[in-house]
Amino acid sequence: MMSGIVTIVLMVLFIAVWIWAWQPRLRAGFEATARLAVDDQMPEGEAIASTPSRTNA
């Protein structure tokens, strides 16, 4: 009995998250996130932390 209730609760939770993820208003954010791995340009104001700064000494 208890395992059936847990199964139904988890199924409802899964469907709710699935519906939330497919909302049209979230599409632009998901597409931007998906392009991060292949995007060659960095956003403005973003600095690479591992690159040492060059100074004229």
N, C-alpha and C. Protein backbone atom coordinates (compact mmCIF):
# COMPACT_ATOMS: atom_id res chain seq x y z
N MET A 1 0.83 -1.19 0.00
CA MET A 1 0.00 0.00 0.00
C MET A 1 0.87 1.26 0.00
N MET A 2 1.86 1.31 0.88
CA MET A 2 2.72 2.48 1.00
C MET A 2 3.56 2.68 -0.26
N SER A 3 4.05 1.60 -0.86
CA SER A 3 4.86 1.73 -2.06
C SER A 3 4.04 2.27 -3.23
N GLY A 4 2.76 1.94 -3.28
CA GLY A 4 1.88 2.47 -4.32
C GLY A 4 1.68 3.97 -4.17
N ILE A 5 1.53 4.44 -2.94
CA ILE A 5 1.37 5.87 -2.68
C ILE A 5 2.64 6.62 -3.05
N VAL A 6 3.79 6.08 -2.68
CA VAL A 6 5.07 6.71 -3.01
C VAL A 6 5.25 6.76 -4.53
N THR A 7 4.90 5.69 -5.21
CA THR A 7 5.01 5.65 -6.67
C THR A 7 4.14 6.72 -7.31
N ILE A 8 2.92 6.88 -6.85
CA ILE A 8 2.01 7.89 -7.42
C ILE A 8 2.51 9.29 -7.13
N VAL A 9 3.00 9.54 -5.92
CA VAL A 9 3.53 10.87 -5.58
C VAL A 9 4.73 11.19 -6.46
N LEU A 10 5.64 10.25 -6.64
CA LEU A 10 6.80 10.48 -7.49
C LEU A 10 6.42 10.68 -8.95
N MET A 11 5.41 9.96 -9.43
CA MET A 11 4.95 10.13 -10.80
C MET A 11 4.33 11.51 -11.00
N VAL A 12 3.54 11.97 -10.05
CA VAL A 12 2.94 13.30 -10.13
C VAL A 12 4.04 14.37 -10.08
N LEU A 13 5.03 14.19 -9.23
CA LEU A 13 6.14 15.12 -9.15
C LEU A 13 6.92 15.17 -10.46
N PHE A 14 7.16 14.02 -11.06
CA PHE A 14 7.86 13.97 -12.34
C PHE A 14 7.07 14.71 -13.43
N ILE A 15 5.79 14.48 -13.50
CA ILE A 15 4.95 15.14 -14.51
C ILE A 15 4.92 16.65 -14.27
N ALA A 16 4.87 17.07 -13.02
CA ALA A 16 4.85 18.50 -12.71
C ALA A 16 6.16 19.17 -13.16
N VAL A 17 7.29 18.53 -12.90
CA VAL A 17 8.58 19.09 -13.32
C VAL A 17 8.68 19.09 -14.85
N TRP A 18 8.19 18.07 -15.49
CA TRP A 18 8.19 17.99 -16.95
C TRP A 18 7.36 19.11 -17.55
N ILE A 19 6.20 19.37 -17.01
CA ILE A 19 5.35 20.46 -17.50
C ILE A 19 6.03 21.81 -17.27
N TRP A 20 6.64 21.99 -16.10
CA TRP A 20 7.34 23.24 -15.81
C TRP A 20 8.49 23.47 -16.79
N ALA A 21 9.26 22.43 -17.09
CA ALA A 21 10.43 22.57 -17.95
C ALA A 21 10.06 22.89 -19.40
N TRP A 22 8.87 22.52 -19.84
CA TRP A 22 8.45 22.75 -21.22
C TRP A 22 7.63 24.02 -21.40
N GLN A 23 7.64 24.91 -20.41
CA GLN A 23 6.91 26.17 -20.55
C GLN A 23 7.60 27.04 -21.59
N PRO A 24 6.85 27.66 -22.48
CA PRO A 24 7.45 28.49 -23.53
C PRO A 24 8.27 29.66 -22.99
N ARG A 25 7.92 30.22 -21.86
CA ARG A 25 8.65 31.37 -21.33
C ARG A 25 10.05 31.01 -20.84
N LEU A 26 10.33 29.74 -20.62
CA LEU A 26 11.65 29.30 -20.17
C LEU A 26 12.56 28.91 -21.32
N ARG A 27 12.03 28.86 -22.54
CA ARG A 27 12.79 28.35 -23.68
C ARG A 27 14.05 29.17 -23.96
N ALA A 28 13.95 30.49 -23.95
CA ALA A 28 15.10 31.34 -24.26
C ALA A 28 16.25 31.11 -23.27
N GLY A 29 15.93 30.99 -22.01
CA GLY A 29 16.96 30.73 -21.01
C GLY A 29 17.62 29.37 -21.18
N PHE A 30 16.84 28.36 -21.50
CA PHE A 30 17.39 27.03 -21.72
C PHE A 30 18.27 27.00 -22.96
N GLU A 31 17.86 27.70 -24.03
CA GLU A 31 18.67 27.74 -25.24
C GLU A 31 19.98 28.48 -24.99
N ALA A 32 19.94 29.55 -24.24
CA ALA A 32 21.17 30.29 -23.92
C ALA A 32 22.11 29.42 -23.09
N THR A 33 21.58 28.69 -22.16
CA THR A 33 22.39 27.80 -21.32
C THR A 33 23.00 26.68 -22.16
N ALA A 34 22.25 26.16 -23.11
CA ALA A 34 22.75 25.08 -23.96
C ALA A 34 23.89 25.56 -24.85
N ARG A 35 23.90 26.84 -25.24
CA ARG A 35 24.95 27.36 -26.10
C ARG A 35 26.22 27.72 -25.34
N LEU A 36 26.21 27.74 -24.03
CA LEU A 36 27.38 28.14 -23.26
C LEU A 36 28.60 27.26 -23.55
N ALA A 37 28.41 25.99 -23.75
CA ALA A 37 29.52 25.07 -23.95
C ALA A 37 30.22 25.28 -25.29
N VAL A 38 29.51 25.80 -26.29
CA VAL A 38 30.09 25.95 -27.62
C VAL A 38 30.28 27.40 -28.01
N ASP A 39 29.95 28.32 -27.15
CA ASP A 39 30.08 29.74 -27.45
C ASP A 39 31.53 30.17 -27.30
N ASP A 40 32.09 30.77 -28.35
CA ASP A 40 33.49 31.20 -28.32
C ASP A 40 33.68 32.54 -27.66
N GLN A 41 32.68 33.37 -27.63
CA GLN A 41 32.82 34.71 -27.08
C GLN A 41 32.34 34.73 -25.64
N MET A 42 33.06 35.50 -24.83
CA MET A 42 32.67 35.66 -23.43
C MET A 42 31.73 36.85 -23.30
N PRO A 43 30.81 36.84 -22.37
CA PRO A 43 29.94 37.99 -22.15
C PRO A 43 30.75 39.22 -21.75
N GLU A 44 30.21 40.39 -22.03
CA GLU A 44 30.90 41.62 -21.67
C GLU A 44 31.13 41.69 -20.17
N GLY A 45 32.30 42.20 -19.77
CA GLY A 45 32.61 42.35 -18.37
C GLY A 45 33.13 41.09 -17.71
N GLU A 46 33.17 40.00 -18.44
CA GLU A 46 33.63 38.72 -17.88
C GLU A 46 35.13 38.61 -18.09
N ALA A 47 35.85 38.23 -17.08
CA ALA A 47 37.31 38.09 -17.18
C ALA A 47 37.70 36.65 -16.97
N ILE A 48 38.77 36.25 -17.61
CA ILE A 48 39.28 34.89 -17.41
C ILE A 48 40.17 34.92 -16.17
N ALA A 49 39.82 34.14 -15.17
CA ALA A 49 40.53 34.18 -13.89
C ALA A 49 41.93 33.56 -13.99
N SER A 50 42.13 32.62 -14.91
CA SER A 50 43.42 31.93 -14.97
C SER A 50 44.47 32.69 -15.79
N THR A 51 44.07 33.75 -16.49
CA THR A 51 45.01 34.52 -17.28
C THR A 51 45.65 35.60 -16.43
N PRO A 52 46.98 35.58 -16.27
CA PRO A 52 47.62 36.61 -15.46
C PRO A 52 47.56 37.96 -16.19
N SER A 53 47.44 39.01 -15.43
CA SER A 53 47.42 40.33 -16.04
C SER A 53 48.84 40.75 -16.37
N ARG A 54 49.00 41.44 -17.49
CA ARG A 54 50.33 41.88 -17.92
C ARG A 54 50.55 43.31 -17.47
N THR A 55 51.70 43.56 -16.89
CA THR A 55 52.05 44.89 -16.45
C THR A 55 53.36 45.30 -17.08
N ASN A 56 53.55 46.56 -17.29
CA ASN A 56 54.81 47.08 -17.83
C ASN A 56 55.76 47.39 -16.68
N ALA A 57 56.61 46.45 -16.35
CA ALA A 57 57.53 46.66 -15.24
C ALA A 57 58.96 46.72 -15.71
